[in-house]
Amino acid sequence: MGAPREPQPEQRGGPSPPRTGLSIRGAQEEDPPDPQLMRLDNMLLAEGVSGPEKGGGSAAAAAAAAASGGSSDNSIEHSDYRAKLTQIRQIYHTELEKYEQACNEFTTHVMNLLREQSRTRPISPKEIERMVGIIHRKFSSIQMQLKQSTCEAVMILRSRFLDARRKRRNFSKQATEILNEYFYSHLSNPYPSEEAKEELAKKCSITVSQVGLSNAEFQQSV
């Protein structure tokens, strides 16, 4: 049927399924690691988002807790940081699992199409590797976006945690305890009235605007 035009190497390289499987693995293994992806992976590992869950990451929380002397309100904030980091971790792993499943399913779909086509035309190993490489590059950009957005979420959480810690150091320990006690006991009604703010300001020897700012920071962290 078009045999005279078929190049001999392509006939030899033929579309047998075992060779196809080897070609996929070869294409995956030969791709050099992306430096940006490696940096993102290192950060996610350092923060405990990827890798083993127990004992992982939270460098910011540990450093801040150590610097603040381990008081009860700091312990609450530390556990709050850990809880939010766990949420980020769970979302990341759920999305990563979806990504890997989609990548594998699409690669399998394309390979099945190539096998079907190989019955009517010769398909060389290089063509297979090229197609697999295109698929992996396309999906790699999605993986990069996922890891980038996860790193950004960790940095925002980390920044908010440390910034709140620094700002709270301006208050006395007694003022911090009074504010935290009030905020935690009014979770169902998180916005104090002007009268309540004035009363808190007098008790804590701070300004009404500082009470409002402290409340806003507290609401962001819960």
N, C-alpha and C. Protein backbone atom coordinates (compact mmCIF):
# COMPACT_ATOMS: atom_id res chain seq x y z
N MET A 1 0.82 -1.19 0.00
CA MET A 1 0.00 0.00 0.00
C MET A 1 0.84 1.22 0.00
N GLY A 2 1.62 1.82 -0.06
CA GLY A 2 2.64 2.83 -0.03
C GLY A 2 3.95 2.31 0.45
N ALA A 3 4.17 0.96 0.32
CA ALA A 3 5.39 0.36 0.85
C ALA A 3 6.65 0.96 0.26
N PRO A 4 6.68 1.29 -1.08
CA PRO A 4 7.92 1.82 -1.65
C PRO A 4 8.38 3.10 -0.98
N ARG A 5 7.47 3.88 -0.43
CA ARG A 5 7.89 5.15 0.15
C ARG A 5 8.25 5.03 1.62
N GLU A 6 8.09 3.89 2.21
CA GLU A 6 8.36 3.75 3.64
C GLU A 6 9.85 3.63 3.89
N PRO A 7 10.43 4.55 4.68
CA PRO A 7 11.86 4.47 4.99
C PRO A 7 12.14 3.23 5.82
N GLN A 8 13.25 2.57 5.51
CA GLN A 8 13.61 1.32 6.18
C GLN A 8 13.78 1.49 7.69
N PRO A 9 14.44 2.59 8.18
CA PRO A 9 14.62 2.73 9.63
C PRO A 9 13.30 2.80 10.37
N GLU A 10 12.31 3.43 9.74
CA GLU A 10 11.02 3.55 10.42
C GLU A 10 10.32 2.20 10.50
N GLN A 11 10.49 1.40 9.45
CA GLN A 11 9.92 0.06 9.51
C GLN A 11 10.56 -0.74 10.62
N ARG A 12 11.89 -0.59 10.74
CA ARG A 12 12.61 -1.34 11.74
C ARG A 12 12.22 -0.88 13.15
N GLY A 13 12.06 0.43 13.30
CA GLY A 13 11.76 0.95 14.63
C GLY A 13 10.36 0.67 15.07
N GLY A 14 9.54 0.27 14.13
CA GLY A 14 8.19 -0.16 14.25
C GLY A 14 7.42 0.16 15.50
N PRO A 15 6.17 0.10 15.44
CA PRO A 15 5.28 0.53 16.51
C PRO A 15 4.90 -0.56 17.48
N SER A 16 5.85 -1.33 17.96
CA SER A 16 5.47 -2.38 18.91
C SER A 16 5.29 -1.76 20.28
N PRO A 17 4.26 -2.12 21.05
CA PRO A 17 3.97 -1.53 22.36
C PRO A 17 5.13 -1.53 23.33
N PRO A 18 5.95 -2.62 23.45
CA PRO A 18 7.06 -2.59 24.40
C PRO A 18 8.03 -1.46 24.10
N ARG A 19 8.36 -1.26 22.81
CA ARG A 19 9.30 -0.18 22.47
C ARG A 19 8.69 1.17 22.82
N THR A 20 7.39 1.30 22.59
CA THR A 20 6.70 2.54 22.92
C THR A 20 6.83 2.85 24.40
N GLY A 21 6.64 1.86 25.24
CA GLY A 21 6.76 2.06 26.68
C GLY A 21 8.14 2.54 27.05
N LEU A 22 9.17 1.95 26.47
CA LEU A 22 10.54 2.35 26.76
C LEU A 22 10.78 3.78 26.33
N SER A 23 10.20 4.17 25.21
CA SER A 23 10.40 5.51 24.69
C SER A 23 9.82 6.56 25.64
N ILE A 24 8.68 6.26 26.22
CA ILE A 24 8.07 7.20 27.16
C ILE A 24 8.99 7.41 28.35
N ARG A 25 9.48 6.33 28.92
CA ARG A 25 10.35 6.46 30.09
C ARG A 25 11.63 7.20 29.73
N GLY A 26 12.15 6.89 28.55
CA GLY A 26 13.39 7.56 28.14
C GLY A 26 13.20 9.05 28.01
N ALA A 27 12.05 9.46 27.44
CA ALA A 27 11.79 10.89 27.27
C ALA A 27 11.66 11.58 28.62
N GLN A 28 11.07 10.89 29.59
CA GLN A 28 10.91 11.48 30.91
C GLN A 28 12.25 11.62 31.62
N GLU A 29 13.09 10.59 31.51
CA GLU A 29 14.34 10.58 32.25
C GLU A 29 15.38 11.52 31.66
N GLU A 30 15.32 11.74 30.33
CA GLU A 30 16.35 12.53 29.69
C GLU A 30 16.12 14.03 29.84
N ASP A 31 14.88 14.46 30.16
CA ASP A 31 14.62 15.88 30.32
C ASP A 31 15.42 16.43 31.49
N PRO A 32 16.22 17.49 31.27
CA PRO A 32 16.98 18.07 32.39
C PRO A 32 16.05 18.76 33.37
N PRO A 33 16.37 18.74 34.66
CA PRO A 33 15.49 19.39 35.65
C PRO A 33 15.45 20.90 35.44
N ASP A 34 14.27 21.47 35.61
CA ASP A 34 14.09 22.91 35.46
C ASP A 34 14.58 23.61 36.74
N PRO A 35 15.51 24.58 36.63
CA PRO A 35 16.05 25.25 37.83
C PRO A 35 14.97 25.93 38.66
N GLN A 36 14.01 26.58 38.00
CA GLN A 36 12.95 27.27 38.74
C GLN A 36 12.08 26.27 39.49
N LEU A 37 11.79 25.15 38.83
CA LEU A 37 10.99 24.10 39.47
C LEU A 37 11.73 23.52 40.67
N MET A 38 13.04 23.39 40.56
CA MET A 38 13.84 22.88 41.67
C MET A 38 13.81 23.85 42.85
N ARG A 39 13.87 25.15 42.57
CA ARG A 39 13.81 26.15 43.65
C ARG A 39 12.46 26.09 44.36
N LEU A 40 11.39 25.97 43.58
CA LEU A 40 10.06 25.87 44.18
C LEU A 40 9.93 24.60 45.02
N ASP A 41 10.46 23.49 44.50
CA ASP A 41 10.43 22.23 45.24
C ASP A 41 11.18 22.34 46.57
N ASN A 42 12.34 23.00 46.54
CA ASN A 42 13.15 23.17 47.75
C ASN A 42 12.41 24.00 48.79
N MET A 43 11.72 25.05 48.33
CA MET A 43 10.99 25.90 49.26
C MET A 43 9.80 25.15 49.86
N LEU A 44 9.07 24.42 49.02
CA LEU A 44 7.92 23.66 49.52
C LEU A 44 8.36 22.59 50.52
N LEU A 45 9.51 22.00 50.27
CA LEU A 45 10.05 21.00 51.19
C LEU A 45 10.47 21.65 52.51
N ALA A 46 11.14 22.81 52.42
CA ALA A 46 11.61 23.51 53.62
C ALA A 46 10.45 23.97 54.49
N GLU A 47 9.33 24.34 53.87
CA GLU A 47 8.18 24.84 54.63
C GLU A 47 7.24 23.72 55.07
N GLY A 48 7.57 22.47 54.71
CA GLY A 48 6.75 21.35 55.15
C GLY A 48 5.50 21.12 54.33
N VAL A 49 5.41 21.76 53.16
CA VAL A 49 4.25 21.56 52.30
C VAL A 49 4.38 20.26 51.52
N SER A 50 5.57 19.98 51.03
CA SER A 50 5.84 18.70 50.38
C SER A 50 6.72 17.87 51.30
N GLY A 51 6.89 16.60 50.98
CA GLY A 51 7.71 15.74 51.83
C GLY A 51 6.91 15.20 53.00
N PRO A 52 7.58 14.52 53.95
CA PRO A 52 6.89 13.92 55.11
C PRO A 52 6.17 14.99 55.91
N GLU A 53 4.95 14.68 56.36
CA GLU A 53 4.16 15.69 57.06
C GLU A 53 4.68 15.95 58.46
N LYS A 54 5.02 14.92 59.20
CA LYS A 54 5.37 15.15 60.61
C LYS A 54 6.74 15.81 60.71
N GLY A 55 6.80 16.87 61.49
CA GLY A 55 8.06 17.57 61.71
C GLY A 55 8.49 18.43 60.56
N GLY A 56 7.68 18.54 59.54
CA GLY A 56 8.10 19.29 58.35
C GLY A 56 7.87 20.77 58.51
N GLY A 57 8.79 21.58 57.98
CA GLY A 57 8.62 23.01 57.75
C GLY A 57 8.30 23.85 58.96
N SER A 58 7.45 24.86 58.72
CA SER A 58 7.06 25.88 59.68
C SER A 58 8.25 26.57 60.29
N ALA A 59 9.25 26.88 59.47
CA ALA A 59 10.44 27.56 59.96
C ALA A 59 10.06 28.92 60.54
N ALA A 60 9.14 29.60 59.88
CA ALA A 60 8.74 30.93 60.35
C ALA A 60 8.04 30.84 61.70
N ALA A 61 7.14 29.88 61.84
CA ALA A 61 6.41 29.73 63.10
C ALA A 61 7.36 29.38 64.23
N ALA A 62 8.27 28.48 63.98
CA ALA A 62 9.22 28.06 65.02
C ALA A 62 10.11 29.22 65.44
N ALA A 63 10.60 29.96 64.47
CA ALA A 63 11.49 31.09 64.77
C ALA A 63 10.76 32.16 65.56
N ALA A 64 9.53 32.45 65.13
CA ALA A 64 8.77 33.49 65.81
C ALA A 64 8.39 33.06 67.22
N ALA A 65 8.02 31.80 67.38
CA ALA A 65 7.65 31.30 68.70
C ALA A 65 8.84 31.33 69.64
N ALA A 66 10.01 30.98 69.14
CA ALA A 66 11.22 30.99 69.97
C ALA A 66 11.58 32.41 70.38
N ALA A 67 11.43 33.34 69.44
CA ALA A 67 11.80 34.73 69.72
C ALA A 67 10.84 35.38 70.70
N SER A 68 9.61 34.86 70.77
CA SER A 68 8.62 35.52 71.60
C SER A 68 8.48 34.93 72.99
N GLY A 69 9.25 33.92 73.30
CA GLY A 69 9.30 33.43 74.66
C GLY A 69 8.26 32.39 75.02
N GLY A 70 7.43 31.97 74.06
CA GLY A 70 6.52 30.85 74.28
C GLY A 70 5.38 31.13 75.23
N SER A 71 4.83 32.37 75.26
CA SER A 71 3.68 32.65 76.11
C SER A 71 2.44 32.00 75.52
N SER A 72 1.32 32.00 76.29
CA SER A 72 0.13 31.27 75.85
C SER A 72 -0.45 31.84 74.57
N ASP A 73 -0.48 33.19 74.43
CA ASP A 73 -1.04 33.76 73.21
C ASP A 73 -0.17 33.42 72.01
N ASN A 74 1.14 33.33 72.24
CA ASN A 74 2.04 32.95 71.15
C ASN A 74 1.82 31.50 70.75
N SER A 75 1.52 30.65 71.73
CA SER A 75 1.24 29.25 71.43
C SER A 75 -0.02 29.12 70.59
N ILE A 76 -1.02 29.95 70.90
CA ILE A 76 -2.26 29.95 70.12
C ILE A 76 -1.96 30.34 68.68
N GLU A 77 -1.16 31.41 68.50
CA GLU A 77 -0.83 31.87 67.16
C GLU A 77 0.01 30.83 66.42
N HIS A 78 0.91 30.18 67.15
CA HIS A 78 1.75 29.16 66.53
C HIS A 78 0.89 28.01 66.01
N SER A 79 -0.06 27.55 66.82
CA SER A 79 -0.93 26.45 66.39
C SER A 79 -1.84 26.91 65.25
N ASP A 80 -2.20 28.19 65.26
CA ASP A 80 -3.02 28.74 64.17
C ASP A 80 -2.23 28.72 62.86
N TYR A 81 -0.96 29.09 62.96
CA TYR A 81 -0.08 29.05 61.77
C TYR A 81 0.01 27.63 61.24
N ARG A 82 0.22 26.69 62.16
CA ARG A 82 0.36 25.28 61.76
C ARG A 82 -0.93 24.79 61.08
N ALA A 83 -2.08 25.19 61.62
CA ALA A 83 -3.36 24.76 61.05
C ALA A 83 -3.54 25.29 59.63
N LYS A 84 -3.18 26.56 59.44
CA LYS A 84 -3.32 27.15 58.11
C LYS A 84 -2.31 26.56 57.13
N LEU A 85 -1.11 26.24 57.63
CA LEU A 85 -0.10 25.60 56.78
C LEU A 85 -0.57 24.20 56.36
N THR A 86 -1.25 23.51 57.28
CA THR A 86 -1.80 22.19 56.97
C THR A 86 -2.86 22.29 55.88
N GLN A 87 -3.68 23.35 55.94
CA GLN A 87 -4.69 23.56 54.90
C GLN A 87 -4.03 23.75 53.53
N ILE A 88 -2.97 24.57 53.52
CA ILE A 88 -2.24 24.81 52.26
C ILE A 88 -1.67 23.50 51.75
N ARG A 89 -1.11 22.72 52.66
CA ARG A 89 -0.51 21.43 52.28
C ARG A 89 -1.56 20.49 51.68
N GLN A 90 -2.72 20.41 52.31
CA GLN A 90 -3.78 19.52 51.82
C GLN A 90 -4.26 19.93 50.44
N ILE A 91 -4.46 21.23 50.25
CA ILE A 91 -4.90 21.73 48.94
C ILE A 91 -3.84 21.43 47.88
N TYR A 92 -2.58 21.65 48.24
CA TYR A 92 -1.48 21.41 47.29
C TYR A 92 -1.45 19.94 46.86
N HIS A 93 -1.52 19.03 47.83
CA HIS A 93 -1.43 17.61 47.49
C HIS A 93 -2.66 17.12 46.71
N THR A 94 -3.82 17.69 47.02
CA THR A 94 -5.03 17.34 46.25
C THR A 94 -4.88 17.76 44.80
N GLU A 95 -4.42 19.02 44.61
CA GLU A 95 -4.26 19.53 43.24
C GLU A 95 -3.13 18.81 42.51
N LEU A 96 -2.06 18.47 43.24
CA LEU A 96 -0.95 17.76 42.61
C LEU A 96 -1.38 16.37 42.15
N GLU A 97 -2.21 15.74 42.95
CA GLU A 97 -2.72 14.41 42.59
C GLU A 97 -3.58 14.50 41.32
N LYS A 98 -4.42 15.55 41.26
CA LYS A 98 -5.25 15.76 40.06
C LYS A 98 -4.36 15.99 38.84
N TYR A 99 -3.31 16.80 39.03
CA TYR A 99 -2.39 17.10 37.93
C TYR A 99 -1.73 15.83 37.41
N GLU A 100 -1.21 15.01 38.33
CA GLU A 100 -0.51 13.79 37.92
C GLU A 100 -1.46 12.82 37.22
N GLN A 101 -2.69 12.74 37.73
CA GLN A 101 -3.68 11.85 37.12
C GLN A 101 -4.02 12.32 35.71
N ALA A 102 -4.22 13.64 35.55
CA ALA A 102 -4.56 14.19 34.24
C ALA A 102 -3.42 14.00 33.25
N CYS A 103 -2.19 14.21 33.72
CA CYS A 103 -1.01 14.04 32.86
C CYS A 103 -0.89 12.59 32.39
N ASN A 104 -1.04 11.65 33.32
CA ASN A 104 -0.94 10.23 32.99
C ASN A 104 -2.06 9.79 32.04
N GLU A 105 -3.28 10.27 32.32
CA GLU A 105 -4.41 9.89 31.47
C GLU A 105 -4.26 10.42 30.05
N PHE A 106 -3.81 11.68 29.95
CA PHE A 106 -3.66 12.27 28.62
C PHE A 106 -2.52 11.60 27.85
N THR A 107 -1.42 11.32 28.56
CA THR A 107 -0.29 10.63 27.91
C THR A 107 -0.73 9.26 27.40
N THR A 108 -1.48 8.53 28.24
CA THR A 108 -1.98 7.22 27.83
C THR A 108 -2.90 7.33 26.62
N HIS A 109 -3.75 8.36 26.64
CA HIS A 109 -4.67 8.58 25.52
C HIS A 109 -3.90 8.81 24.22
N VAL A 110 -2.88 9.66 24.27
CA VAL A 110 -2.08 9.94 23.07
C VAL A 110 -1.35 8.69 22.60
N MET A 111 -0.80 7.93 23.55
CA MET A 111 -0.08 6.71 23.19
C MET A 111 -1.02 5.69 22.53
N ASN A 112 -2.25 5.62 23.01
CA ASN A 112 -3.22 4.72 22.39
C ASN A 112 -3.54 5.15 20.96
N LEU A 113 -3.64 6.48 20.77
CA LEU A 113 -3.87 6.99 19.42
C LEU A 113 -2.71 6.65 18.50
N LEU A 114 -1.49 6.81 19.02
CA LEU A 114 -0.31 6.49 18.21
C LEU A 114 -0.27 5.01 17.85
N ARG A 115 -0.67 4.17 18.79
CA ARG A 115 -0.69 2.73 18.50
C ARG A 115 -1.72 2.40 17.42
N GLU A 116 -2.87 3.12 17.49
CA GLU A 116 -3.88 2.91 16.46
C GLU A 116 -3.35 3.35 15.10
N GLN A 117 -2.68 4.51 15.08
CA GLN A 117 -2.15 5.03 13.82
C GLN A 117 -1.03 4.14 13.28
N SER A 118 -0.32 3.49 14.18
CA SER A 118 0.82 2.67 13.74
C SER A 118 0.38 1.48 12.89
N ARG A 119 -0.91 1.19 12.91
CA ARG A 119 -1.41 0.10 12.07
C ARG A 119 -1.52 0.50 10.61
N THR A 120 -1.58 1.82 10.37
CA THR A 120 -1.72 2.29 8.99
C THR A 120 -0.51 3.06 8.50
N ARG A 121 0.34 3.51 9.42
CA ARG A 121 1.55 4.22 8.99
C ARG A 121 2.66 3.96 9.99
N PRO A 122 3.90 4.00 9.52
CA PRO A 122 5.02 3.77 10.45
C PRO A 122 5.22 4.95 11.40
N ILE A 123 5.48 4.66 12.66
CA ILE A 123 5.76 5.70 13.66
C ILE A 123 7.09 5.38 14.31
N SER A 124 8.03 6.30 14.19
CA SER A 124 9.38 6.05 14.71
C SER A 124 9.44 6.35 16.20
N PRO A 125 10.41 5.77 16.90
CA PRO A 125 10.61 6.09 18.33
C PRO A 125 10.82 7.57 18.57
N LYS A 126 11.50 8.25 17.64
CA LYS A 126 11.74 9.70 17.82
C LYS A 126 10.43 10.48 17.78
N GLU A 127 9.52 10.07 16.93
CA GLU A 127 8.23 10.74 16.85
C GLU A 127 7.45 10.54 18.15
N ILE A 128 7.53 9.34 18.68
CA ILE A 128 6.86 9.05 19.95
C ILE A 128 7.44 9.91 21.07
N GLU A 129 8.77 9.95 21.14
CA GLU A 129 9.43 10.74 22.18
C GLU A 129 9.09 12.22 22.04
N ARG A 130 9.00 12.69 20.80
CA ARG A 130 8.68 14.10 20.58
C ARG A 130 7.28 14.41 21.10
N MET A 131 6.32 13.54 20.81
CA MET A 131 4.95 13.76 21.27
C MET A 131 4.86 13.71 22.79
N VAL A 132 5.53 12.74 23.39
CA VAL A 132 5.53 12.64 24.85
C VAL A 132 6.18 13.87 25.47
N GLY A 133 7.26 14.33 24.86
CA GLY A 133 7.95 15.53 25.35
C GLY A 133 7.06 16.75 25.31
N ILE A 134 6.29 16.90 24.23
CA ILE A 134 5.36 18.03 24.11
C ILE A 134 4.31 17.98 25.22
N ILE A 135 3.78 16.80 25.45
CA ILE A 135 2.77 16.63 26.51
C ILE A 135 3.34 17.02 27.87
N HIS A 136 4.53 16.51 28.16
CA HIS A 136 5.12 16.77 29.48
C HIS A 136 5.47 18.24 29.66
N ARG A 137 5.90 18.90 28.58
CA ARG A 137 6.22 20.33 28.69
C ARG A 137 4.95 21.14 28.96
N LYS A 138 3.87 20.77 28.27
CA LYS A 138 2.60 21.47 28.49
C LYS A 138 2.13 21.30 29.93
N PHE A 139 2.18 20.07 30.41
CA PHE A 139 1.72 19.81 31.77
C PHE A 139 2.70 20.37 32.81
N SER A 140 3.97 20.47 32.45
CA SER A 140 4.96 21.01 33.37
C SER A 140 4.66 22.47 33.70
N SER A 141 4.13 23.21 32.73
CA SER A 141 3.79 24.62 32.99
C SER A 141 2.64 24.71 34.00
N ILE A 142 1.72 23.74 33.95
CA ILE A 142 0.62 23.71 34.93
C ILE A 142 1.18 23.39 36.31
N GLN A 143 2.09 22.43 36.37
CA GLN A 143 2.73 22.07 37.64
C GLN A 143 3.48 23.27 38.22
N MET A 144 4.15 24.02 37.35
CA MET A 144 4.90 25.20 37.79
C MET A 144 3.95 26.22 38.41
N GLN A 145 2.80 26.45 37.77
CA GLN A 145 1.83 27.41 38.30
C GLN A 145 1.30 26.97 39.66
N LEU A 146 1.02 25.68 39.79
CA LEU A 146 0.54 25.15 41.07
C LEU A 146 1.56 25.37 42.18
N LYS A 147 2.81 25.05 41.91
CA LYS A 147 3.85 25.19 42.93
C LYS A 147 4.13 26.66 43.22
N GLN A 148 4.08 27.50 42.18
CA GLN A 148 4.30 28.94 42.37
C GLN A 148 3.22 29.53 43.26
N SER A 149 1.95 29.22 42.97
CA SER A 149 0.85 29.78 43.76
C SER A 149 0.88 29.25 45.20
N THR A 150 1.31 28.01 45.38
CA THR A 150 1.42 27.44 46.73
C THR A 150 2.52 28.14 47.51
N CYS A 151 3.66 28.38 46.87
CA CYS A 151 4.75 29.11 47.53
C CYS A 151 4.31 30.51 47.91
N GLU A 152 3.56 31.16 47.04
CA GLU A 152 3.06 32.51 47.33
C GLU A 152 2.12 32.48 48.53
N ALA A 153 1.27 31.46 48.60
CA ALA A 153 0.34 31.33 49.74
C ALA A 153 1.11 31.16 51.05
N VAL A 154 2.18 30.37 51.01
CA VAL A 154 3.01 30.16 52.21
C VAL A 154 3.69 31.47 52.61
N MET A 155 4.21 32.21 51.63
CA MET A 155 4.91 33.46 51.93
C MET A 155 3.95 34.50 52.50
N ILE A 156 2.72 34.55 51.98
CA ILE A 156 1.73 35.48 52.52
C ILE A 156 1.39 35.11 53.96
N LEU A 157 1.17 33.83 54.21
CA LEU A 157 0.89 33.36 55.57
C LEU A 157 2.05 33.68 56.50
N ARG A 158 3.23 33.40 56.04
CA ARG A 158 4.44 33.63 56.84
C ARG A 158 4.61 35.11 57.16
N SER A 159 4.42 35.96 56.14
CA SER A 159 4.56 37.40 56.32
C SER A 159 3.53 37.93 57.30
N ARG A 160 2.28 37.48 57.14
CA ARG A 160 1.20 37.93 58.03
C ARG A 160 1.47 37.51 59.47
N PHE A 161 1.95 36.29 59.64
CA PHE A 161 2.23 35.76 60.97
C PHE A 161 3.33 36.57 61.66
N LEU A 162 4.44 36.82 60.93
CA LEU A 162 5.56 37.54 61.52
C LEU A 162 5.27 39.03 61.70
N ASP A 163 4.52 39.62 60.75
CA ASP A 163 4.16 41.04 60.87
C ASP A 163 3.26 41.27 62.08
N ALA A 164 2.29 40.37 62.25
CA ALA A 164 1.39 40.49 63.41
C ALA A 164 2.18 40.35 64.70
N ARG A 165 3.16 39.45 64.70
CA ARG A 165 4.01 39.25 65.87
C ARG A 165 4.79 40.53 66.20
N ARG A 166 5.37 41.14 65.17
CA ARG A 166 6.17 42.35 65.40
C ARG A 166 5.31 43.49 65.93
N LYS A 167 4.12 43.66 65.33
CA LYS A 167 3.25 44.76 65.75
C LYS A 167 2.75 44.55 67.18
N ARG A 168 2.50 43.29 67.53
CA ARG A 168 1.99 43.01 68.87
C ARG A 168 3.04 43.25 69.95
N ARG A 169 4.31 43.23 69.56
CA ARG A 169 5.36 43.46 70.54
C ARG A 169 5.32 44.89 71.10
N ASN A 170 4.64 45.80 70.37
CA ASN A 170 4.54 47.18 70.85
C ASN A 170 3.62 47.28 72.07
N PHE A 171 2.76 46.29 72.26
CA PHE A 171 1.86 46.30 73.41
C PHE A 171 2.52 45.56 74.58
N SER A 172 2.08 45.92 75.77
CA SER A 172 2.56 45.19 76.94
C SER A 172 1.92 43.80 76.96
N LYS A 173 2.51 42.92 77.74
CA LYS A 173 1.97 41.56 77.84
C LYS A 173 0.54 41.59 78.36
N GLN A 174 0.29 42.47 79.34
CA GLN A 174 -1.06 42.57 79.91
C GLN A 174 -2.06 43.06 78.86
N ALA A 175 -1.66 44.05 78.05
CA ALA A 175 -2.55 44.58 77.01
C ALA A 175 -2.87 43.50 75.98
N THR A 176 -1.85 42.74 75.60
CA THR A 176 -2.05 41.66 74.63
C THR A 176 -3.02 40.61 75.16
N GLU A 177 -2.88 40.27 76.45
CA GLU A 177 -3.76 39.28 77.07
C GLU A 177 -5.21 39.77 77.12
N ILE A 178 -5.38 41.05 77.45
CA ILE A 178 -6.73 41.63 77.52
C ILE A 178 -7.38 41.61 76.14
N LEU A 179 -6.62 42.04 75.13
CA LEU A 179 -7.16 42.08 73.76
C LEU A 179 -7.51 40.68 73.26
N ASN A 180 -6.59 39.74 73.46
CA ASN A 180 -6.84 38.38 72.99
C ASN A 180 -8.05 37.75 73.68
N GLU A 181 -8.14 38.00 74.99
CA GLU A 181 -9.27 37.45 75.75
C GLU A 181 -10.59 37.99 75.20
N TYR A 182 -10.60 39.30 74.91
CA TYR A 182 -11.83 39.91 74.38
C TYR A 182 -12.15 39.36 72.98
N PHE A 183 -11.13 39.33 72.11
CA PHE A 183 -11.36 38.89 70.72
C PHE A 183 -11.83 37.44 70.66
N TYR A 184 -11.21 36.57 71.45
CA TYR A 184 -11.60 35.16 71.42
C TYR A 184 -12.98 34.92 72.05
N SER A 185 -13.37 35.76 72.98
CA SER A 185 -14.68 35.59 73.63
C SER A 185 -15.80 36.24 72.82
N HIS A 186 -15.43 36.97 71.75
CA HIS A 186 -16.45 37.63 70.91
C HIS A 186 -16.32 37.19 69.45
N LEU A 187 -16.00 35.92 69.25
CA LEU A 187 -15.84 35.41 67.87
C LEU A 187 -17.14 35.50 67.08
N SER A 188 -18.27 35.34 67.77
CA SER A 188 -19.56 35.40 67.08
C SER A 188 -19.94 36.84 66.72
N ASN A 189 -19.34 37.81 67.41
CA ASN A 189 -19.59 39.23 67.11
C ASN A 189 -18.22 39.92 67.02
N PRO A 190 -17.53 39.72 65.90
CA PRO A 190 -16.11 40.07 65.82
C PRO A 190 -15.78 41.56 65.78
N TYR A 191 -16.78 42.42 65.60
CA TYR A 191 -16.48 43.84 65.47
C TYR A 191 -17.00 44.62 66.68
N PRO A 192 -16.10 45.01 67.59
CA PRO A 192 -16.53 45.71 68.81
C PRO A 192 -17.09 47.10 68.49
N SER A 193 -18.03 47.53 69.33
CA SER A 193 -18.60 48.87 69.17
C SER A 193 -17.55 49.91 69.56
N GLU A 194 -17.86 51.17 69.26
CA GLU A 194 -16.93 52.25 69.62
C GLU A 194 -16.75 52.33 71.14
N GLU A 195 -17.84 52.08 71.87
CA GLU A 195 -17.75 52.10 73.34
C GLU A 195 -16.82 50.99 73.83
N ALA A 196 -16.97 49.80 73.24
CA ALA A 196 -16.11 48.67 73.63
C ALA A 196 -14.65 48.96 73.30
N LYS A 197 -14.42 49.60 72.15
CA LYS A 197 -13.04 49.95 71.76
C LYS A 197 -12.43 50.94 72.76
N GLU A 198 -13.24 51.93 73.16
CA GLU A 198 -12.74 52.93 74.12
C GLU A 198 -12.41 52.28 75.45
N GLU A 199 -13.28 51.36 75.88
CA GLU A 199 -13.04 50.67 77.15
C GLU A 199 -11.77 49.82 77.08
N LEU A 200 -11.58 49.10 75.96
CA LEU A 200 -10.37 48.30 75.77
C LEU A 200 -9.13 49.18 75.72
N ALA A 201 -9.26 50.32 75.05
CA ALA A 201 -8.12 51.24 74.94
C ALA A 201 -7.68 51.73 76.32
N LYS A 202 -8.66 52.04 77.19
CA LYS A 202 -8.33 52.49 78.55
C LYS A 202 -7.66 51.38 79.35
N LYS A 203 -8.22 50.17 79.26
CA LYS A 203 -7.66 49.04 80.00
C LYS A 203 -6.23 48.72 79.57
N CYS A 204 -5.97 48.87 78.26
CA CYS A 204 -4.67 48.47 77.71
C CYS A 204 -3.69 49.63 77.62
N SER A 205 -4.16 50.85 77.92
CA SER A 205 -3.32 52.06 77.80
C SER A 205 -2.80 52.23 76.37
N ILE A 206 -3.71 52.01 75.40
CA ILE A 206 -3.37 52.24 73.99
C ILE A 206 -4.48 53.08 73.38
N THR A 207 -4.34 53.45 72.12
CA THR A 207 -5.35 54.28 71.46
C THR A 207 -6.47 53.41 70.90
N VAL A 208 -7.60 54.08 70.62
CA VAL A 208 -8.76 53.38 70.03
C VAL A 208 -8.39 52.82 68.66
N SER A 209 -7.61 53.59 67.88
CA SER A 209 -7.21 53.12 66.55
C SER A 209 -6.33 51.87 66.64
N GLN A 210 -5.51 51.80 67.69
CA GLN A 210 -4.68 50.60 67.89
C GLN A 210 -5.54 49.38 68.21
N VAL A 211 -6.62 49.60 68.95
CA VAL A 211 -7.55 48.51 69.24
C VAL A 211 -8.17 48.01 67.93
N GLY A 212 -8.60 48.98 67.10
CA GLY A 212 -9.20 48.61 65.81
C GLY A 212 -8.23 47.86 64.92
N LEU A 213 -6.97 48.32 64.88
CA LEU A 213 -5.95 47.67 64.06
C LEU A 213 -5.67 46.25 64.57
N SER A 214 -5.58 46.14 65.90
CA SER A 214 -5.32 44.83 66.49
C SER A 214 -6.46 43.86 66.20
N ASN A 215 -7.69 44.37 66.25
CA ASN A 215 -8.85 43.52 65.95
C ASN A 215 -8.85 43.08 64.48
N ALA A 216 -8.49 44.00 63.58
CA ALA A 216 -8.43 43.66 62.15
C ALA A 216 -7.40 42.57 61.89
N GLU A 217 -6.24 42.69 62.55
CA GLU A 217 -5.19 41.68 62.39
C GLU A 217 -5.65 40.33 62.93
N PHE A 218 -6.36 40.39 64.07
CA PHE A 218 -6.86 39.15 64.68
C PHE A 218 -7.86 38.46 63.75
N GLN A 219 -8.78 39.24 63.17
CA GLN A 219 -9.80 38.66 62.28
C GLN A 219 -9.17 38.04 61.04
N GLN A 220 -8.08 38.63 60.55
CA GLN A 220 -7.39 38.07 59.38
C GLN A 220 -6.75 36.73 59.71
N SER A 221 -6.36 36.57 60.97
CA SER A 221 -5.62 35.35 61.34
C SER A 221 -6.53 34.19 61.71
N VAL A 222 -7.84 34.45 61.89
CA VAL A 222 -8.75 33.36 62.28
C VAL A 222 -9.53 32.85 61.08
